[in-house]
Amino acid sequence: MQYYIGLITYPVNVSIMAETWEDVTWDESQPLREWVVEYTVSVSGEINHHLSILYGEDLVDVQRSLLHELRKTYIENERIDVTVHRMQEIKDTLEAEFFEGCFTP
Protein backbone atom coordinates (compact mmCIF):
# COMPACT_ATOMS: atom_id res chain seq x y z
CA MET A 1 0.00 0.00 0.00
CA GLN A 2 1.39 3.36 -0.98
CA TYR A 3 0.59 6.67 0.67
CA TYR A 4 0.86 9.98 -1.08
CA ILE A 5 1.01 13.33 0.59
CA GLY A 6 0.09 16.22 -1.66
CA LEU A 7 0.29 19.92 -1.21
CA ILE A 8 -2.58 21.96 -2.59
CA THR A 9 -1.66 25.41 -3.80
CA TYR A 10 -4.10 28.06 -4.97
CA PRO A 11 -3.37 30.68 -7.60
CA VAL A 12 -3.53 34.30 -6.53
CA ASN A 13 -6.91 35.08 -8.18
CA VAL A 14 -8.96 32.20 -6.69
CA SER A 15 -12.10 33.25 -4.84
CA ILE A 16 -13.29 31.40 -1.75
CA MET A 17 -16.90 30.20 -1.48
CA ALA A 18 -19.11 32.20 0.88
CA GLU A 19 -19.96 30.54 4.16
CA THR A 20 -23.35 32.14 4.79
CA TRP A 21 -26.10 33.63 2.65
CA GLU A 22 -25.27 37.12 3.95
CA ASP A 23 -21.75 36.78 2.54
CA VAL A 24 -23.04 36.42 -1.01
CA THR A 25 -22.83 39.49 -3.22
CA TRP A 26 -24.51 39.72 -6.58
CA ASP A 27 -22.77 41.47 -9.43
CA GLU A 28 -25.87 42.40 -11.42
CA SER A 29 -25.88 45.67 -13.27
CA GLN A 30 -29.61 46.14 -12.72
CA PRO A 31 -31.48 44.31 -9.98
CA LEU A 32 -34.85 42.75 -10.75
CA ARG A 33 -37.69 45.07 -9.90
CA GLU A 34 -41.26 44.27 -8.89
CA TRP A 35 -44.09 45.17 -11.24
CA VAL A 36 -47.82 45.01 -10.65
CA VAL A 37 -49.75 43.74 -13.66
CA GLU A 38 -53.56 43.84 -13.79
CA TYR A 39 -55.20 42.15 -16.74
CA THR A 40 -58.34 40.33 -17.86
CA VAL A 41 -58.44 37.16 -19.92
CA SER A 42 -61.40 36.17 -22.08
CA VAL A 43 -61.62 32.42 -22.73
CA SER A 44 -64.69 30.93 -24.46
CA GLY A 45 -66.88 33.83 -23.39
CA GLU A 46 -65.74 33.65 -19.75
CA ILE A 47 -63.80 36.63 -18.39
CA ASN A 48 -61.17 36.16 -15.67
CA HIS A 49 -59.62 39.12 -13.85
CA HIS A 50 -55.98 38.75 -12.70
CA LEU A 51 -53.64 40.81 -10.53
CA SER A 52 -50.03 39.59 -10.50
CA ILE A 53 -46.67 40.66 -9.14
CA LEU A 54 -44.01 39.97 -11.75
CA TYR A 55 -40.27 40.54 -11.70
CA GLY A 56 -38.05 42.01 -14.40
CA GLU A 57 -35.37 44.54 -15.19
CA ASP A 58 -37.53 46.48 -17.63
CA LEU A 59 -40.89 46.47 -19.39
CA VAL A 60 -39.78 43.89 -21.97
CA ASP A 61 -38.82 41.42 -19.21
CA VAL A 62 -42.18 41.91 -17.50
CA GLN A 63 -44.06 41.32 -20.75
CA ARG A 64 -42.04 38.13 -21.23
CA SER A 65 -42.90 37.04 -17.67
CA LEU A 66 -46.57 37.76 -18.30
CA LEU A 67 -46.52 35.66 -21.46
CA HIS A 68 -44.89 32.81 -19.52
CA GLU A 69 -47.56 33.09 -16.80
CA LEU A 70 -50.36 33.04 -19.38
CA ARG A 71 -48.92 29.98 -21.11
CA LYS A 72 -48.62 28.20 -17.78
CA THR A 73 -52.12 29.14 -16.59
CA TYR A 74 -54.05 28.62 -19.83
CA ILE A 75 -52.16 25.63 -21.22
CA GLU A 76 -55.23 23.81 -22.56
CA ASN A 77 -56.78 26.72 -24.45
CA GLU A 78 -56.06 27.44 -28.09
CA ARG A 79 -57.12 31.08 -28.09
CA ILE A 80 -57.25 33.60 -25.27
CA ASP A 81 -57.85 37.33 -25.46
CA VAL A 82 -55.80 39.36 -22.98
CA THR A 83 -56.39 42.98 -22.03
CA VAL A 84 -53.71 44.58 -19.84
CA HIS A 85 -55.21 47.31 -17.64
CA ARG A 86 -52.17 48.24 -15.60
CA MET A 87 -48.46 47.43 -15.77
CA GLN A 88 -46.35 49.59 -13.51
CA GLU A 89 -43.25 49.30 -11.40
CA ILE A 90 -43.73 49.07 -7.65
CA LYS A 91 -41.81 51.83 -5.92
CA ASP A 92 -40.60 51.50 -2.35
CA THR A 93 -42.25 53.92 0.01
CA LEU A 94 -40.96 54.76 3.43
CA GLU A 95 -44.22 56.18 4.73
CA ALA A 96 -44.70 53.64 7.53
CA GLU A 97 -46.71 56.03 9.70
CA PHE A 98 -49.79 55.34 7.53
CA PHE A 99 -49.78 51.75 8.79
CA GLU A 100 -48.80 52.43 12.38
CA GLY A 101 -51.10 50.54 14.72
CA CYS A 102 -53.10 48.91 11.90
CA PHE A 103 -51.34 45.56 11.96
CA THR A 104 -50.11 43.42 14.81
CA PRO A 105 -47.67 40.55 14.43
C-alpha atoms as a PDB file:
ATOM      1  CA  MET A   1       0.000   0.000   0.000  1.00  0.00           C
ATOM      2  CA  GLN A   2       1.393   3.364  -0.983  1.00  0.00           C
ATOM      3  CA  TYR A   3       0.590   6.666   0.671  1.00  0.00           C
ATOM      4  CA  TYR A   4       0.857   9.981  -1.078  1.00  0.00           C
ATOM      5  CA  ILE A   5       1.010  13.327   0.589  1.00  0.00           C
ATOM      6  CA  GLY A   6       0.087  16.216  -1.659  1.00  0.00           C
ATOM      7  CA  LEU A   7       0.285  19.918  -1.207  1.00  0.00           C
ATOM      8  CA  ILE A   8      -2.581  21.957  -2.593  1.00  0.00           C
ATOM      9  CA  THR A   9      -1.659  25.409  -3.803  1.00  0.00           C
ATOM     10  CA  TYR A  10      -4.098  28.059  -4.970  1.00  0.00           C
ATOM     11  CA  PRO A  11      -3.373  30.685  -7.597  1.00  0.00           C
ATOM     12  CA  VAL A  12      -3.526  34.303  -6.530  1.00  0.00           C
ATOM     13  CA  ASN A  13      -6.910  35.077  -8.179  1.00  0.00           C
ATOM     14  CA  VAL A  14      -8.964  32.203  -6.687  1.00  0.00           C
ATOM     15  CA  SER A  15     -12.104  33.252  -4.836  1.00  0.00           C
ATOM     16  CA  ILE A  16     -13.285  31.399  -1.751  1.00  0.00           C
ATOM     17  CA  MET A  17     -16.899  30.201  -1.479  1.00  0.00           C
ATOM     18  CA  ALA A  18     -19.109  32.195   0.881  1.00  0.00           C
ATOM     19  CA  GLU A  19     -19.957  30.536   4.163  1.00  0.00           C
ATOM     20  CA  THR A  20     -23.353  32.139   4.794  1.00  0.00           C
ATOM     21  CA  TRP A  21     -26.096  33.633   2.646  1.00  0.00           C
ATOM     22  CA  GLU A  22     -25.273  37.117   3.947  1.00  0.00           C
ATOM     23  CA  ASP A  23     -21.747  36.780   2.538  1.00  0.00           C
ATOM     24  CA  VAL A  24     -23.040  36.416  -1.008  1.00  0.00           C
ATOM     25  CA  THR A  25     -22.830  39.487  -3.219  1.00  0.00           C
ATOM     26  CA  TRP A  26     -24.507  39.718  -6.579  1.00  0.00           C
ATOM     27  CA  ASP A  27     -22.774  41.473  -9.434  1.00  0.00           C
ATOM     28  CA  GLU A  28     -25.871  42.396 -11.415  1.00  0.00           C
ATOM     29  CA  SER A  29     -25.881  45.666 -13.269  1.00  0.00           C
ATOM     30  CA  GLN A  30     -29.614  46.145 -12.719  1.00  0.00           C
ATOM     31  CA  PRO A  31     -31.480  44.306  -9.977  1.00  0.00           C
ATOM     32  CA  LEU A  32     -34.846  42.749 -10.751  1.00  0.00           C
ATOM     33  CA  ARG A  33     -37.693  45.069  -9.898  1.00  0.00           C
ATOM     34  CA  GLU A  34     -41.262  44.267  -8.893  1.00  0.00           C
ATOM     35  CA  TRP A  35     -44.090  45.171 -11.243  1.00  0.00           C
ATOM     36  CA  VAL A  36     -47.823  45.014 -10.654  1.00  0.00           C
ATOM     37  CA  VAL A  37     -49.751  43.741 -13.663  1.00  0.00           C
ATOM     38  CA  GLU A  38     -53.556  43.837 -13.786  1.00  0.00           C
ATOM     39  CA  TYR A  39     -55.196  42.148 -16.737  1.00  0.00           C
ATOM     40  CA  THR A  40     -58.338  40.328 -17.862  1.00  0.00           C
ATOM     41  CA  VAL A  41     -58.439  37.160 -19.921  1.00  0.00           C
ATOM     42  CA  SER A  42     -61.403  36.169 -22.075  1.00  0.00           C
ATOM     43  CA  VAL A  43     -61.623  32.424 -22.731  1.00  0.00           C
ATOM     44  CA  SER A  44     -64.688  30.932 -24.458  1.00  0.00           C
ATOM     45  CA  GLY A  45     -66.882  33.833 -23.389  1.00  0.00           C
ATOM     46  CA  GLU A  46     -65.744  33.645 -19.747  1.00  0.00           C
ATOM     47  CA  ILE A  47     -63.799  36.634 -18.386  1.00  0.00           C
ATOM     48  CA  ASN A  48     -61.168  36.165 -15.669  1.00  0.00           C
ATOM     49  CA  HIS A  49     -59.619  39.119 -13.854  1.00  0.00           C
ATOM     50  CA  HIS A  50     -55.985  38.752 -12.701  1.00  0.00           C
ATOM     51  CA  LEU A  51     -53.644  40.807 -10.526  1.00  0.00           C
ATOM     52  CA  SER A  52     -50.032  39.587 -10.498  1.00  0.00           C
ATOM     53  CA  ILE A  53     -46.671  40.663  -9.138  1.00  0.00           C
ATOM     54  CA  LEU A  54     -44.010  39.967 -11.751  1.00  0.00           C
ATOM     55  CA  TYR A  55     -40.269  40.537 -11.702  1.00  0.00           C
ATOM     56  CA  GLY A  56     -38.054  42.007 -14.401  1.00  0.00           C
ATOM     57  CA  GLU A  57     -35.375  44.539 -15.189  1.00  0.00           C
ATOM     58  CA  ASP A  58     -37.525  46.485 -17.631  1.00  0.00           C
ATOM     59  CA  LEU A  59     -40.888  46.471 -19.389  1.00  0.00           C
ATOM     60  CA  VAL A  60     -39.780  43.885 -21.968  1.00  0.00           C
ATOM     61  CA  ASP A  61     -38.823  41.423 -19.205  1.00  0.00           C
ATOM     62  CA  VAL A  62     -42.177  41.911 -17.497  1.00  0.00           C
ATOM     63  CA  GLN A  63     -44.060  41.315 -20.750  1.00  0.00           C
ATOM     64  CA  ARG A  64     -42.043  38.128 -21.231  1.00  0.00           C
ATOM     65  CA  SER A  65     -42.900  37.038 -17.668  1.00  0.00           C
ATOM     66  CA  LEU A  66     -46.572  37.761 -18.303  1.00  0.00           C
ATOM     67  CA  LEU A  67     -46.521  35.658 -21.456  1.00  0.00           C
ATOM     68  CA  HIS A  68     -44.895  32.812 -19.519  1.00  0.00           C
ATOM     69  CA  GLU A  69     -47.559  33.091 -16.797  1.00  0.00           C
ATOM     70  CA  LEU A  70     -50.362  33.041 -19.378  1.00  0.00           C
ATOM     71  CA  ARG A  71     -48.920  29.982 -21.109  1.00  0.00           C
ATOM     72  CA  LYS A  72     -48.616  28.200 -17.782  1.00  0.00           C
ATOM     73  CA  THR A  73     -52.118  29.139 -16.588  1.00  0.00           C
ATOM     74  CA  TYR A  74     -54.052  28.615 -19.828  1.00  0.00           C
ATOM     75  CA  ILE A  75     -52.160  25.635 -21.216  1.00  0.00           C
ATOM     76  CA  GLU A  76     -55.228  23.808 -22.563  1.00  0.00           C
ATOM     77  CA  ASN A  77     -56.777  26.717 -24.446  1.00  0.00           C
ATOM     78  CA  GLU A  78     -56.062  27.444 -28.088  1.00  0.00           C
ATOM     79  CA  ARG A  79     -57.122  31.082 -28.087  1.00  0.00           C
ATOM     80  CA  ILE A  80     -57.247  33.604 -25.267  1.00  0.00           C
ATOM     81  CA  ASP A  81     -57.854  37.333 -25.457  1.00  0.00           C
ATOM     82  CA  VAL A  82     -55.803  39.360 -22.983  1.00  0.00           C
ATOM     83  CA  THR A  83     -56.386  42.985 -22.031  1.00  0.00           C
ATOM     84  CA  VAL A  84     -53.707  44.581 -19.844  1.00  0.00           C
ATOM     85  CA  HIS A  85     -55.210  47.307 -17.640  1.00  0.00           C
ATOM     86  CA  ARG A  86     -52.165  48.241 -15.598  1.00  0.00           C
ATOM     87  CA  MET A  87     -48.458  47.426 -15.767  1.00  0.00           C
ATOM     88  CA  GLN A  88     -46.346  49.594 -13.513  1.00  0.00           C
ATOM     89  CA  GLU A  89     -43.245  49.297 -11.403  1.00  0.00           C
ATOM     90  CA  ILE A  90     -43.728  49.069  -7.652  1.00  0.00           C
ATOM     91  CA  LYS A  91     -41.806  51.830  -5.921  1.00  0.00           C
ATOM     92  CA  ASP A  92     -40.598  51.496  -2.351  1.00  0.00           C
ATOM     93  CA  THR A  93     -42.248  53.924   0.008  1.00  0.00           C
ATOM     94  CA  LEU A  94     -40.957  54.765   3.429  1.00  0.00           C
ATOM     95  CA  GLU A  95     -44.224  56.179   4.733  1.00  0.00           C
ATOM     96  CA  ALA A  96     -44.697  53.642   7.528  1.00  0.00           C
ATOM     97  CA  GLU A  97     -46.708  56.032   9.705  1.00  0.00           C
ATOM     98  CA  PHE A  98     -49.791  55.340   7.530  1.00  0.00           C
ATOM     99  CA  PHE A  99     -49.782  51.753   8.785  1.00  0.00           C
ATOM    100  CA  GLU A 100     -48.797  52.435  12.385  1.00  0.00           C
ATOM    101  CA  GLY A 101     -51.097  50.537  14.725  1.00  0.00           C
ATOM    102  CA  CYS A 102     -53.097  48.911  11.896  1.00  0.00           C
ATOM    103  CA  PHE A 103     -51.340  45.563  11.956  1.00  0.00           C
ATOM    104  CA  THR A 104     -50.111  43.420  14.807  1.00  0.00           C
ATOM    105  CA  PRO A 105     -47.673  40.553  14.428  1.00  0.00           C
END
